Amino acid sequence: MTITVIIPTLNEEQTIEHTLSRLHDPAFSEILVVDGGSHDHTLAHARILSGTKGRARQMNSGAAASKEDVLLFLHADTLLPLTAADDVLTTLQDLRTIGGRFDVRFDRDSGWYWLICRMMNWRSRLTGIVTGDQALFVRRPVFEAVGGFPDIPVMEDIALSKQLKRVGRIAALRSCVLTSSRRWTRHGTIRTIVLMWGLRFLFFVGVAPTRLKPWYPETR
């Protein structure tokens, strides 16, 4: 079983090289960076596919170009654990499991940051919903069968999770990815908590993603 790692990027020259440095396991037989029009030096650091700007569209473009058994979607500012490939392959030995995700931890792991991560992991385990920071992985035939990420400007990860839950089991791994706290630092911790939980609530009660997009922080 082989894995394609798909990384959507937009102006990620500060993070992409470090992210790629964790992907040397032979099981990661294909690494696709799908760029949405960077104007910094992101393009100097990886094999790049051009994609239309928009995380869902970029990730779908990467999936369409993939030739491997498993798709793993990774944010450019998120580091996989060193055991990630083995974790994924071991999890998918159970044929009832269609995919999974990792627990998440911030690069700052104290105070509010500690609490936010634990709440994210707890909520995900309770609801079966996966957010992009948690490095979703899924069997490629299943991803294709559900139509991939919906073409919406935000909440594509949550929408796909809801689709996958109807198909089979999504594993919640205890091993942690390490993701940047830059969005929370830049926009204010409390403000970002309120904003992100508010946007997710509005999405769950049916507010269109196009109406939510103007409130969603574009920069990470």
N, C-alpha and C. Protein backbone atom coordinates (compact mmCIF):
# COMPACT_ATOMS: atom_id res chain seq x y z
N MET A 1 0.85 -1.19 0.00
CA MET A 1 0.00 0.00 0.00
C MET A 1 0.89 1.25 0.00
N THR A 2 0.58 2.19 -0.86
CA THR A 2 1.39 3.40 -0.99
C THR A 2 0.54 4.64 -0.75
N ILE A 3 1.22 5.74 -0.42
CA ILE A 3 0.54 6.96 0.02
C ILE A 3 0.98 8.15 -0.83
N THR A 4 0.01 8.93 -1.28
CA THR A 4 0.27 10.25 -1.86
C THR A 4 0.01 11.30 -0.80
N VAL A 5 0.97 12.18 -0.56
CA VAL A 5 0.77 13.33 0.33
C VAL A 5 0.47 14.53 -0.54
N ILE A 6 -0.66 15.18 -0.28
CA ILE A 6 -1.11 16.33 -1.06
C ILE A 6 -1.11 17.56 -0.17
N ILE A 7 -0.36 18.58 -0.59
CA ILE A 7 -0.19 19.79 0.22
C ILE A 7 -0.65 21.00 -0.59
N PRO A 8 -1.77 21.64 -0.23
CA PRO A 8 -2.16 22.87 -0.90
C PRO A 8 -1.34 24.04 -0.36
N THR A 9 -0.87 24.91 -1.24
CA THR A 9 -0.03 26.02 -0.78
C THR A 9 -0.49 27.35 -1.38
N LEU A 10 -0.20 28.40 -0.64
CA LEU A 10 -0.33 29.77 -1.13
C LEU A 10 0.60 30.62 -0.27
N ASN A 11 1.73 31.01 -0.87
CA ASN A 11 2.73 31.84 -0.19
C ASN A 11 3.21 31.19 1.12
N GLU A 12 3.80 30.00 0.99
CA GLU A 12 4.23 29.23 2.15
C GLU A 12 5.74 29.00 2.16
N GLU A 13 6.52 29.94 1.66
CA GLU A 13 7.96 29.74 1.61
C GLU A 13 8.59 29.58 3.00
N GLN A 14 7.95 30.10 4.04
CA GLN A 14 8.50 30.02 5.38
C GLN A 14 8.28 28.66 6.03
N THR A 15 7.35 27.86 5.49
CA THR A 15 6.98 26.62 6.16
C THR A 15 7.19 25.37 5.32
N ILE A 16 7.10 25.47 4.01
CA ILE A 16 6.99 24.28 3.17
C ILE A 16 8.22 23.38 3.25
N GLU A 17 9.42 23.96 3.33
CA GLU A 17 10.63 23.13 3.35
C GLU A 17 10.69 22.25 4.58
N HIS A 18 10.32 22.81 5.73
CA HIS A 18 10.32 22.04 6.97
C HIS A 18 9.27 20.93 6.90
N THR A 19 8.11 21.24 6.35
CA THR A 19 7.04 20.25 6.20
C THR A 19 7.50 19.09 5.33
N LEU A 20 8.14 19.40 4.22
CA LEU A 20 8.61 18.36 3.31
C LEU A 20 9.70 17.50 3.92
N SER A 21 10.45 18.06 4.87
CA SER A 21 11.56 17.32 5.46
C SER A 21 11.09 16.10 6.26
N ARG A 22 9.81 16.05 6.61
CA ARG A 22 9.26 14.93 7.38
C ARG A 22 8.69 13.83 6.48
N LEU A 23 8.87 13.93 5.18
CA LEU A 23 8.16 13.05 4.26
C LEU A 23 9.11 12.12 3.50
N HIS A 24 10.15 11.64 4.17
CA HIS A 24 11.14 10.81 3.49
C HIS A 24 10.86 9.31 3.59
N ASP A 25 9.82 8.92 4.30
CA ASP A 25 9.51 7.50 4.40
C ASP A 25 9.16 6.94 3.02
N PRO A 26 9.68 5.77 2.64
CA PRO A 26 9.40 5.21 1.31
C PRO A 26 7.91 5.00 1.04
N ALA A 27 7.10 4.84 2.09
CA ALA A 27 5.66 4.66 1.88
C ALA A 27 5.02 5.91 1.30
N PHE A 28 5.64 7.08 1.54
CA PHE A 28 5.17 8.31 0.91
C PHE A 28 5.77 8.35 -0.50
N SER A 29 5.21 7.57 -1.38
CA SER A 29 5.82 7.38 -2.69
C SER A 29 5.53 8.53 -3.65
N GLU A 30 4.63 9.40 -3.27
CA GLU A 30 4.29 10.53 -4.14
C GLU A 30 3.96 11.73 -3.25
N ILE A 31 4.60 12.85 -3.51
CA ILE A 31 4.33 14.08 -2.76
C ILE A 31 3.96 15.16 -3.77
N LEU A 32 2.74 15.65 -3.67
CA LEU A 32 2.24 16.64 -4.62
C LEU A 32 1.92 17.94 -3.88
N VAL A 33 2.62 18.99 -4.24
CA VAL A 33 2.33 20.32 -3.72
C VAL A 33 1.52 21.05 -4.78
N VAL A 34 0.30 21.44 -4.42
CA VAL A 34 -0.60 22.07 -5.38
C VAL A 34 -0.72 23.55 -5.01
N ASP A 35 -0.14 24.40 -5.85
CA ASP A 35 -0.04 25.82 -5.51
C ASP A 35 -1.19 26.62 -6.12
N GLY A 36 -1.70 27.55 -5.34
CA GLY A 36 -2.82 28.36 -5.78
C GLY A 36 -2.45 29.73 -6.29
N GLY A 37 -1.17 29.91 -6.68
CA GLY A 37 -0.75 31.20 -7.23
C GLY A 37 0.17 31.98 -6.32
N SER A 38 1.12 31.31 -5.70
CA SER A 38 2.05 31.99 -4.79
C SER A 38 2.88 33.03 -5.53
N HIS A 39 3.18 34.12 -4.82
CA HIS A 39 4.08 35.15 -5.38
C HIS A 39 5.33 35.30 -4.52
N ASP A 40 5.58 34.31 -3.64
CA ASP A 40 6.85 34.28 -2.91
C ASP A 40 7.70 33.14 -3.50
N HIS A 41 8.56 32.51 -2.70
CA HIS A 41 9.45 31.49 -3.22
C HIS A 41 8.99 30.07 -2.88
N THR A 42 7.71 29.90 -2.63
CA THR A 42 7.18 28.56 -2.38
C THR A 42 7.55 27.60 -3.50
N LEU A 43 7.49 28.07 -4.74
CA LEU A 43 7.68 27.21 -5.90
C LEU A 43 9.10 26.67 -6.02
N ALA A 44 10.02 27.22 -5.25
CA ALA A 44 11.42 26.77 -5.35
C ALA A 44 11.69 25.51 -4.54
N HIS A 45 10.73 25.07 -3.75
CA HIS A 45 11.02 24.05 -2.75
C HIS A 45 10.43 22.67 -3.02
N ALA A 46 9.64 22.49 -4.08
CA ALA A 46 8.96 21.21 -4.23
C ALA A 46 8.50 20.99 -5.66
N ARG A 47 8.10 19.75 -5.94
CA ARG A 47 7.40 19.46 -7.19
C ARG A 47 6.02 20.11 -7.10
N ILE A 48 5.72 20.97 -8.05
CA ILE A 48 4.52 21.79 -7.94
C ILE A 48 3.54 21.44 -9.05
N LEU A 49 2.28 21.33 -8.67
CA LEU A 49 1.19 21.30 -9.63
C LEU A 49 0.48 22.65 -9.55
N SER A 50 0.09 23.18 -10.67
CA SER A 50 -0.68 24.43 -10.67
C SER A 50 -2.14 24.10 -10.44
N GLY A 51 -2.78 24.90 -9.61
CA GLY A 51 -4.19 24.70 -9.33
C GLY A 51 -4.90 26.02 -9.20
N THR A 52 -6.20 25.99 -9.39
CA THR A 52 -7.01 27.17 -9.16
C THR A 52 -7.02 27.48 -7.67
N LYS A 53 -6.85 28.74 -7.30
CA LYS A 53 -6.82 29.11 -5.90
C LYS A 53 -8.09 28.66 -5.19
N GLY A 54 -7.90 28.10 -4.02
CA GLY A 54 -9.00 27.56 -3.24
C GLY A 54 -8.58 26.20 -2.73
N ARG A 55 -8.58 26.01 -1.41
CA ARG A 55 -7.99 24.80 -0.85
C ARG A 55 -8.68 23.55 -1.35
N ALA A 56 -10.01 23.55 -1.43
CA ALA A 56 -10.72 22.36 -1.91
C ALA A 56 -10.32 22.04 -3.34
N ARG A 57 -10.27 23.03 -4.20
CA ARG A 57 -9.91 22.81 -5.60
C ARG A 57 -8.47 22.33 -5.73
N GLN A 58 -7.59 22.89 -4.95
CA GLN A 58 -6.18 22.47 -5.00
C GLN A 58 -6.02 21.03 -4.55
N MET A 59 -6.70 20.66 -3.47
CA MET A 59 -6.59 19.29 -2.98
C MET A 59 -7.22 18.30 -3.95
N ASN A 60 -8.33 18.68 -4.56
CA ASN A 60 -8.95 17.81 -5.57
C ASN A 60 -8.05 17.64 -6.78
N SER A 61 -7.35 18.70 -7.16
CA SER A 61 -6.41 18.61 -8.28
C SER A 61 -5.29 17.63 -7.96
N GLY A 62 -4.78 17.69 -6.73
CA GLY A 62 -3.75 16.75 -6.32
C GLY A 62 -4.25 15.32 -6.32
N ALA A 63 -5.46 15.12 -5.81
CA ALA A 63 -6.03 13.78 -5.79
C ALA A 63 -6.22 13.23 -7.20
N ALA A 64 -6.64 14.08 -8.12
CA ALA A 64 -6.85 13.65 -9.50
C ALA A 64 -5.53 13.23 -10.16
N ALA A 65 -4.43 13.85 -9.73
CA ALA A 65 -3.12 13.52 -10.31
C ALA A 65 -2.46 12.33 -9.63
N SER A 66 -3.01 11.90 -8.51
CA SER A 66 -2.38 10.82 -7.74
C SER A 66 -2.54 9.47 -8.41
N LYS A 67 -1.56 8.60 -8.16
CA LYS A 67 -1.60 7.23 -8.67
C LYS A 67 -1.54 6.21 -7.54
N GLU A 68 -1.57 6.66 -6.29
CA GLU A 68 -1.32 5.76 -5.17
C GLU A 68 -2.62 5.31 -4.50
N ASP A 69 -2.49 4.42 -3.50
CA ASP A 69 -3.63 3.78 -2.86
C ASP A 69 -4.35 4.67 -1.85
N VAL A 70 -3.57 5.51 -1.19
CA VAL A 70 -4.07 6.32 -0.08
C VAL A 70 -3.72 7.77 -0.33
N LEU A 71 -4.65 8.67 -0.02
CA LEU A 71 -4.42 10.11 -0.11
C LEU A 71 -4.31 10.68 1.29
N LEU A 72 -3.27 11.46 1.55
CA LEU A 72 -3.11 12.14 2.83
C LEU A 72 -3.01 13.63 2.55
N PHE A 73 -3.93 14.39 3.12
CA PHE A 73 -4.00 15.84 2.87
C PHE A 73 -3.35 16.57 4.05
N LEU A 74 -2.35 17.37 3.73
CA LEU A 74 -1.49 17.97 4.76
C LEU A 74 -1.38 19.47 4.54
N HIS A 75 -1.61 20.24 5.59
CA HIS A 75 -1.38 21.69 5.50
C HIS A 75 0.11 21.98 5.43
N ALA A 76 0.46 23.06 4.76
CA ALA A 76 1.86 23.40 4.55
C ALA A 76 2.59 23.79 5.83
N ASP A 77 1.84 24.12 6.88
CA ASP A 77 2.48 24.51 8.14
C ASP A 77 2.32 23.43 9.21
N THR A 78 2.13 22.18 8.77
CA THR A 78 1.88 21.08 9.70
C THR A 78 2.91 19.98 9.48
N LEU A 79 3.51 19.51 10.56
CA LEU A 79 4.53 18.46 10.50
C LEU A 79 3.92 17.13 10.92
N LEU A 80 4.08 16.11 10.09
CA LEU A 80 3.64 14.78 10.46
C LEU A 80 4.56 14.19 11.51
N PRO A 81 4.05 13.30 12.35
CA PRO A 81 4.95 12.58 13.27
C PRO A 81 5.86 11.65 12.47
N LEU A 82 6.99 11.31 13.04
CA LEU A 82 7.94 10.46 12.34
C LEU A 82 7.38 9.07 12.08
N THR A 83 6.37 8.69 12.84
CA THR A 83 5.73 7.37 12.68
C THR A 83 4.55 7.41 11.73
N ALA A 84 4.33 8.53 11.05
CA ALA A 84 3.08 8.73 10.32
C ALA A 84 2.78 7.65 9.29
N ALA A 85 3.76 7.31 8.47
CA ALA A 85 3.52 6.32 7.41
C ALA A 85 3.12 4.97 8.02
N ASP A 86 3.85 4.53 9.03
CA ASP A 86 3.50 3.27 9.69
C ASP A 86 2.12 3.36 10.35
N ASP A 87 1.82 4.51 10.94
CA ASP A 87 0.51 4.69 11.58
C ASP A 87 -0.62 4.52 10.57
N VAL A 88 -0.46 5.16 9.42
CA VAL A 88 -1.50 5.10 8.38
C VAL A 88 -1.65 3.67 7.86
N LEU A 89 -0.54 3.03 7.52
CA LEU A 89 -0.60 1.69 6.94
C LEU A 89 -1.15 0.67 7.93
N THR A 90 -0.77 0.79 9.18
CA THR A 90 -1.29 -0.12 10.20
C THR A 90 -2.80 0.06 10.38
N THR A 91 -3.23 1.31 10.42
CA THR A 91 -4.65 1.61 10.59
C THR A 91 -5.48 1.03 9.45
N LEU A 92 -4.98 1.13 8.23
CA LEU A 92 -5.76 0.71 7.07
C LEU A 92 -5.66 -0.79 6.79
N GLN A 93 -4.94 -1.52 7.64
CA GLN A 93 -4.99 -2.98 7.54
C GLN A 93 -6.38 -3.51 7.86
N ASP A 94 -7.12 -2.76 8.66
CA ASP A 94 -8.52 -3.08 8.93
C ASP A 94 -9.36 -2.60 7.75
N LEU A 95 -9.90 -3.51 6.98
CA LEU A 95 -10.61 -3.14 5.75
C LEU A 95 -11.91 -2.38 6.03
N ARG A 96 -12.37 -2.41 7.27
CA ARG A 96 -13.56 -1.63 7.61
C ARG A 96 -13.25 -0.15 7.75
N THR A 97 -11.98 0.17 7.90
CA THR A 97 -11.55 1.56 8.09
C THR A 97 -11.26 2.19 6.74
N ILE A 98 -11.94 3.28 6.43
CA ILE A 98 -11.77 3.94 5.13
C ILE A 98 -10.74 5.07 5.17
N GLY A 99 -10.40 5.51 6.38
CA GLY A 99 -9.44 6.60 6.50
C GLY A 99 -9.25 6.96 7.96
N GLY A 100 -8.67 8.12 8.19
CA GLY A 100 -8.45 8.53 9.56
C GLY A 100 -7.82 9.90 9.63
N ARG A 101 -7.44 10.24 10.83
CA ARG A 101 -6.77 11.52 11.07
C ARG A 101 -5.91 11.40 12.31
N PHE A 102 -5.01 12.37 12.49
CA PHE A 102 -4.12 12.41 13.64
C PHE A 102 -4.68 13.36 14.70
N ASP A 103 -4.27 13.18 15.94
CA ASP A 103 -4.46 14.24 16.91
C ASP A 103 -3.57 15.42 16.50
N VAL A 104 -3.90 16.59 17.02
CA VAL A 104 -3.15 17.78 16.65
C VAL A 104 -2.58 18.45 17.90
N ARG A 105 -1.41 19.02 17.75
CA ARG A 105 -0.78 19.79 18.82
C ARG A 105 -0.15 21.03 18.19
N PHE A 106 -0.24 22.16 18.87
CA PHE A 106 0.37 23.39 18.37
C PHE A 106 1.87 23.41 18.68
N ASP A 107 2.60 24.22 17.90
CA ASP A 107 4.01 24.42 18.20
C ASP A 107 4.20 25.19 19.50
N ARG A 108 3.17 25.87 19.96
CA ARG A 108 3.14 26.41 21.32
C ARG A 108 2.16 25.52 22.09
N ASP A 109 2.63 24.84 23.12
CA ASP A 109 1.79 23.83 23.77
C ASP A 109 1.59 24.16 25.24
N SER A 110 1.13 25.38 25.49
CA SER A 110 0.85 25.79 26.86
C SER A 110 -0.31 26.77 26.86
N GLY A 111 -0.91 26.97 28.01
CA GLY A 111 -1.98 27.94 28.15
C GLY A 111 -3.16 27.65 27.23
N TRP A 112 -3.64 28.71 26.57
CA TRP A 112 -4.77 28.57 25.65
C TRP A 112 -4.47 27.59 24.53
N TYR A 113 -3.22 27.58 24.06
CA TYR A 113 -2.88 26.70 22.94
C TYR A 113 -3.02 25.23 23.33
N TRP A 114 -2.60 24.89 24.54
CA TRP A 114 -2.76 23.53 25.05
C TRP A 114 -4.24 23.16 25.08
N LEU A 115 -5.06 24.07 25.60
CA LEU A 115 -6.49 23.79 25.74
C LEU A 115 -7.18 23.67 24.38
N ILE A 116 -6.85 24.56 23.45
CA ILE A 116 -7.48 24.53 22.13
C ILE A 116 -7.25 23.19 21.45
N CYS A 117 -6.01 22.71 21.47
CA CYS A 117 -5.71 21.43 20.82
C CYS A 117 -6.47 20.28 21.46
N ARG A 118 -6.50 20.24 22.79
CA ARG A 118 -7.21 19.15 23.45
C ARG A 118 -8.70 19.21 23.13
N MET A 119 -9.26 20.39 23.04
CA MET A 119 -10.67 20.52 22.69
C MET A 119 -10.92 20.10 21.24
N MET A 120 -10.02 20.45 20.34
CA MET A 120 -10.15 20.04 18.94
C MET A 120 -10.14 18.53 18.82
N ASN A 121 -9.22 17.89 19.51
CA ASN A 121 -9.11 16.43 19.44
C ASN A 121 -10.32 15.75 20.08
N TRP A 122 -10.75 16.28 21.21
CA TRP A 122 -11.92 15.72 21.89
C TRP A 122 -13.17 15.85 21.02
N ARG A 123 -13.37 17.03 20.46
CA ARG A 123 -14.55 17.26 19.61
C ARG A 123 -14.53 16.34 18.40
N SER A 124 -13.37 16.18 17.80
CA SER A 124 -13.25 15.32 16.63
C SER A 124 -13.56 13.87 16.98
N ARG A 125 -13.06 13.42 18.14
CA ARG A 125 -13.29 12.04 18.55
C ARG A 125 -14.78 11.82 18.84
N LEU A 126 -15.43 12.83 19.39
CA LEU A 126 -16.84 12.73 19.74
C LEU A 126 -17.74 12.75 18.50
N THR A 127 -17.42 13.59 17.53
CA THR A 127 -18.31 13.82 16.39
C THR A 127 -17.92 13.05 15.13
N GLY A 128 -16.65 12.61 15.05
CA GLY A 128 -16.17 11.99 13.83
C GLY A 128 -15.83 12.98 12.74
N ILE A 129 -15.83 14.26 13.07
CA ILE A 129 -15.51 15.32 12.11
C ILE A 129 -14.02 15.62 12.16
N VAL A 130 -13.43 15.76 10.98
CA VAL A 130 -11.99 16.01 10.86
C VAL A 130 -11.77 17.41 10.31
N THR A 131 -10.85 18.16 10.90
CA THR A 131 -10.46 19.45 10.34
C THR A 131 -9.13 19.31 9.62
N GLY A 132 -8.85 20.25 8.74
CA GLY A 132 -7.66 20.16 7.90
C GLY A 132 -6.36 20.07 8.68
N ASP A 133 -6.30 20.68 9.85
CA ASP A 133 -5.07 20.64 10.65
C ASP A 133 -4.74 19.23 11.12
N GLN A 134 -5.70 18.31 11.07
CA GLN A 134 -5.49 16.97 11.62
C GLN A 134 -4.98 15.97 10.58
N ALA A 135 -4.65 16.43 9.38
CA ALA A 135 -4.03 15.59 8.35
C ALA A 135 -4.90 14.37 8.01
N LEU A 136 -6.02 14.63 7.42
CA LEU A 136 -6.94 13.57 6.99
C LEU A 136 -6.26 12.65 5.97
N PHE A 137 -6.45 11.33 6.14
CA PHE A 137 -6.04 10.38 5.10
C PHE A 137 -7.22 9.49 4.77
N VAL A 138 -7.29 9.04 3.51
CA VAL A 138 -8.45 8.29 3.04
C VAL A 138 -8.04 7.40 1.87
N ARG A 139 -8.68 6.23 1.77
CA ARG A 139 -8.43 5.37 0.62
C ARG A 139 -8.89 6.11 -0.65
N ARG A 140 -8.05 6.08 -1.67
CA ARG A 140 -8.35 6.85 -2.88
C ARG A 140 -9.68 6.44 -3.53
N PRO A 141 -10.02 5.14 -3.65
CA PRO A 141 -11.32 4.79 -4.25
C PRO A 141 -12.51 5.36 -3.47
N VAL A 142 -12.39 5.44 -2.14
CA VAL A 142 -13.47 6.00 -1.34
C VAL A 142 -13.59 7.50 -1.60
N PHE A 143 -12.44 8.18 -1.62
CA PHE A 143 -12.44 9.62 -1.90
C PHE A 143 -13.10 9.90 -3.24
N GLU A 144 -12.77 9.13 -4.24
CA GLU A 144 -13.35 9.32 -5.57
C GLU A 144 -14.84 9.01 -5.57
N ALA A 145 -15.25 7.99 -4.81
CA ALA A 145 -16.65 7.58 -4.79
C ALA A 145 -17.56 8.66 -4.19
N VAL A 146 -17.04 9.40 -3.20
CA VAL A 146 -17.87 10.45 -2.59
C VAL A 146 -17.75 11.79 -3.32
N GLY A 147 -16.92 11.83 -4.36
CA GLY A 147 -16.80 13.05 -5.16
C GLY A 147 -15.75 14.02 -4.69
N GLY A 148 -14.88 13.60 -3.76
CA GLY A 148 -13.81 14.48 -3.30
C GLY A 148 -14.33 15.59 -2.41
N PHE A 149 -13.49 16.61 -2.24
CA PHE A 149 -13.91 17.77 -1.46
C PHE A 149 -14.98 18.55 -2.22
N PRO A 150 -16.04 18.95 -1.57
CA PRO A 150 -17.02 19.79 -2.26
C PRO A 150 -16.40 21.12 -2.65
N ASP A 151 -16.82 21.67 -3.77
CA ASP A 151 -16.25 22.91 -4.29
C ASP A 151 -16.87 24.10 -3.57
N ILE A 152 -16.43 24.29 -2.33
CA ILE A 152 -16.91 25.40 -1.51
C ILE A 152 -15.70 26.16 -0.97
N PRO A 153 -15.84 27.45 -0.67
CA PRO A 153 -14.67 28.26 -0.30
C PRO A 153 -14.14 28.02 1.10
N VAL A 154 -14.97 27.51 2.01
CA VAL A 154 -14.54 27.19 3.38
C VAL A 154 -15.32 25.96 3.85
N MET A 155 -14.85 25.35 4.91
CA MET A 155 -15.50 24.20 5.54
C MET A 155 -15.51 22.95 4.67
N GLU A 156 -14.60 22.90 3.70
CA GLU A 156 -14.54 21.73 2.83
C GLU A 156 -14.14 20.48 3.60
N ASP A 157 -13.32 20.63 4.63
CA ASP A 157 -12.88 19.49 5.42
C ASP A 157 -14.04 18.90 6.23
N ILE A 158 -14.83 19.77 6.80
CA ILE A 158 -15.98 19.32 7.58
C ILE A 158 -17.02 18.67 6.68
N ALA A 159 -17.26 19.26 5.52
CA ALA A 159 -18.24 18.69 4.59
C ALA A 159 -17.81 17.31 4.12
N LEU A 160 -16.53 17.14 3.80
CA LEU A 160 -16.05 15.83 3.38
C LEU A 160 -16.15 14.82 4.51
N SER A 161 -15.82 15.23 5.72
CA SER A 161 -15.93 14.32 6.87
C SER A 161 -17.33 13.77 7.01
N LYS A 162 -18.32 14.63 6.84
CA LYS A 162 -19.71 14.20 6.97
C LYS A 162 -20.04 13.16 5.91
N GLN A 163 -19.50 13.33 4.70
CA GLN A 163 -19.71 12.35 3.65
C GLN A 163 -19.04 11.03 3.98
N LEU A 164 -17.80 11.09 4.45
CA LEU A 164 -17.05 9.88 4.73
C LEU A 164 -17.67 9.08 5.87
N LYS A 165 -18.23 9.77 6.86
CA LYS A 165 -18.85 9.08 7.99
C LYS A 165 -19.98 8.16 7.54
N ARG A 166 -20.62 8.50 6.43
CA ARG A 166 -21.72 7.68 5.94
C ARG A 166 -21.22 6.41 5.24
N VAL A 167 -19.94 6.40 4.91
CA VAL A 167 -19.38 5.28 4.13
C VAL A 167 -18.72 4.24 5.02
N GLY A 168 -17.97 4.68 6.02
CA GLY A 168 -17.24 3.73 6.85
C GLY A 168 -16.57 4.39 8.03
N ARG A 169 -15.68 3.66 8.65
CA ARG A 169 -15.03 4.12 9.88
C ARG A 169 -13.87 5.05 9.59
N ILE A 170 -13.80 6.16 10.33
CA ILE A 170 -12.68 7.08 10.27
C ILE A 170 -11.92 6.96 11.59
N ALA A 171 -10.68 6.53 11.52
CA ALA A 171 -9.89 6.29 12.73
C ALA A 171 -9.36 7.60 13.30
N ALA A 172 -9.39 7.71 14.62
CA ALA A 172 -8.83 8.87 15.32
C ALA A 172 -7.53 8.42 15.99
N LEU A 173 -6.40 8.74 15.35
CA LEU A 173 -5.11 8.29 15.86
C LEU A 173 -4.64 9.16 17.02
N ARG A 174 -3.93 8.54 17.95
CA ARG A 174 -3.40 9.28 19.10
C ARG A 174 -2.09 9.98 18.78
N SER A 175 -1.36 9.51 17.78
CA SER A 175 -0.12 10.19 17.42
C SER A 175 -0.46 11.58 16.88
N CYS A 176 0.43 12.53 17.13
CA CYS A 176 0.11 13.94 16.90
C CYS A 176 0.88 14.54 15.73
N VAL A 177 0.16 15.33 14.94
CA VAL A 177 0.82 16.26 14.04
C VAL A 177 1.12 17.53 14.83
N LEU A 178 2.13 18.26 14.37
CA LEU A 178 2.51 19.51 15.01
C LEU A 178 2.22 20.64 14.04
N THR A 179 1.28 21.51 14.41
CA THR A 179 0.87 22.56 13.48
C THR A 179 1.17 23.94 14.05
N SER A 180 1.28 24.89 13.16
CA SER A 180 1.64 26.25 13.56
C SER A 180 0.47 26.95 14.27
N SER A 181 0.80 27.72 15.27
CA SER A 181 -0.20 28.53 15.99
C SER A 181 -0.29 29.94 15.42
N ARG A 182 0.29 30.16 14.22
CA ARG A 182 0.42 31.53 13.71
C ARG A 182 -0.92 32.24 13.53
N ARG A 183 -1.95 31.50 13.06
CA ARG A 183 -3.24 32.15 12.87
C ARG A 183 -3.79 32.65 14.20
N TRP A 184 -3.67 31.82 15.23
CA TRP A 184 -4.20 32.17 16.55
C TRP A 184 -3.41 33.34 17.14
N THR A 185 -2.10 33.34 16.90
CA THR A 185 -1.26 34.43 17.41
C THR A 185 -1.54 35.72 16.67
N ARG A 186 -1.66 35.64 15.34
CA ARG A 186 -1.83 36.84 14.52
C ARG A 186 -3.17 37.52 14.77
N HIS A 187 -4.22 36.72 14.90
CA HIS A 187 -5.57 37.29 14.99
C HIS A 187 -6.10 37.37 16.41
N GLY A 188 -5.34 36.89 17.38
CA GLY A 188 -5.78 36.91 18.77
C GLY A 188 -6.44 35.60 19.15
N THR A 189 -5.99 35.01 20.25
CA THR A 189 -6.44 33.67 20.61
C THR A 189 -7.94 33.62 20.87
N ILE A 190 -8.44 34.47 21.76
CA ILE A 190 -9.86 34.43 22.11
C ILE A 190 -10.71 34.77 20.90
N ARG A 191 -10.31 35.79 20.16
CA ARG A 191 -11.08 36.19 18.98
C ARG A 191 -11.16 35.05 17.97
N THR A 192 -10.05 34.34 17.77
CA THR A 192 -10.04 33.26 16.80
C THR A 192 -10.87 32.08 17.27
N ILE A 193 -10.83 31.76 18.57
CA ILE A 193 -11.69 30.70 19.11
C ILE A 193 -13.15 31.01 18.82
N VAL A 194 -13.57 32.21 19.18
CA VAL A 194 -14.97 32.60 19.00
C VAL A 194 -15.35 32.57 17.52
N LEU A 195 -14.46 33.11 16.68
CA LEU A 195 -14.74 33.16 15.24
C LEU A 195 -14.86 31.76 14.64
N MET A 196 -13.89 30.89 14.91
CA MET A 196 -13.88 29.57 14.29
C MET A 196 -15.04 28.71 14.77
N TRP A 197 -15.33 28.73 16.05
CA TRP A 197 -16.47 27.96 16.54
C TRP A 197 -17.78 28.55 16.03
N GLY A 198 -17.83 29.88 15.92
CA GLY A 198 -19.04 30.51 15.39
C GLY A 198 -19.28 30.15 13.93
N LEU A 199 -18.21 30.17 13.13
CA LEU A 199 -18.34 29.81 11.72
C LEU A 199 -18.77 28.36 11.55
N ARG A 200 -18.20 27.47 12.35
CA ARG A 200 -18.59 26.06 12.25
C ARG A 200 -20.04 25.85 12.65
N PHE A 201 -20.48 26.56 13.69
CA PHE A 201 -21.88 26.44 14.09
C PHE A 201 -22.80 26.93 12.97
N LEU A 202 -22.48 28.06 12.37
CA LEU A 202 -23.32 28.58 11.29
C LEU A 202 -23.35 27.62 10.11
N PHE A 203 -22.20 26.99 9.83
CA PHE A 203 -22.17 26.01 8.73
C PHE A 203 -23.06 24.82 9.05
N PHE A 204 -23.01 24.35 10.29
CA PHE A 204 -23.82 23.19 10.67
C PHE A 204 -25.31 23.49 10.62
N VAL A 205 -25.70 24.73 10.86
CA VAL A 205 -27.13 25.05 10.81
C VAL A 205 -27.57 25.49 9.42
N GLY A 206 -26.64 25.43 8.44
CA GLY A 206 -27.07 25.60 7.06
C GLY A 206 -26.70 26.89 6.38
N VAL A 207 -25.89 27.74 7.02
CA VAL A 207 -25.48 28.97 6.36
C VAL A 207 -24.51 28.63 5.23
N ALA A 208 -24.70 29.21 4.05
CA ALA A 208 -23.90 28.87 2.87
C ALA A 208 -22.44 29.27 3.08
N PRO A 209 -21.49 28.41 2.67
CA PRO A 209 -20.07 28.74 2.79
C PRO A 209 -19.68 30.04 2.11
N THR A 210 -20.35 30.40 1.03
CA THR A 210 -20.04 31.66 0.36
C THR A 210 -20.33 32.86 1.26
N ARG A 211 -21.29 32.73 2.15
CA ARG A 211 -21.58 33.81 3.10
C ARG A 211 -20.60 33.83 4.26
N LEU A 212 -20.01 32.67 4.56
CA LEU A 212 -19.05 32.58 5.66
C LEU A 212 -17.65 33.03 5.24
N LYS A 213 -17.33 32.87 3.96
CA LYS A 213 -15.98 33.13 3.48
C LYS A 213 -15.43 34.50 3.87
N PRO A 214 -16.18 35.59 3.75
CA PRO A 214 -15.61 36.91 4.11
C PRO A 214 -15.14 37.00 5.56
N TRP A 215 -15.67 36.15 6.44
CA TRP A 215 -15.29 36.19 7.84
C TRP A 215 -14.12 35.27 8.16
N TYR A 216 -13.77 34.41 7.22
CA TYR A 216 -12.74 33.42 7.45
C TYR A 216 -11.36 34.03 7.22
N PRO A 217 -10.42 33.91 8.19
CA PRO A 217 -9.10 34.52 8.00
C PRO A 217 -8.37 33.91 6.81
N GLU A 218 -8.02 34.72 5.82
CA GLU A 218 -7.34 34.22 4.62
C GLU A 218 -5.91 33.83 4.93
N THR A 219 -5.26 34.61 5.78
CA THR A 219 -3.87 34.34 6.12
C THR A 219 -3.80 33.44 7.33
N ARG A 220 -2.79 32.54 7.30
CA ARG A 220 -2.57 31.65 8.43
C ARG A 220 -1.37 32.14 9.23
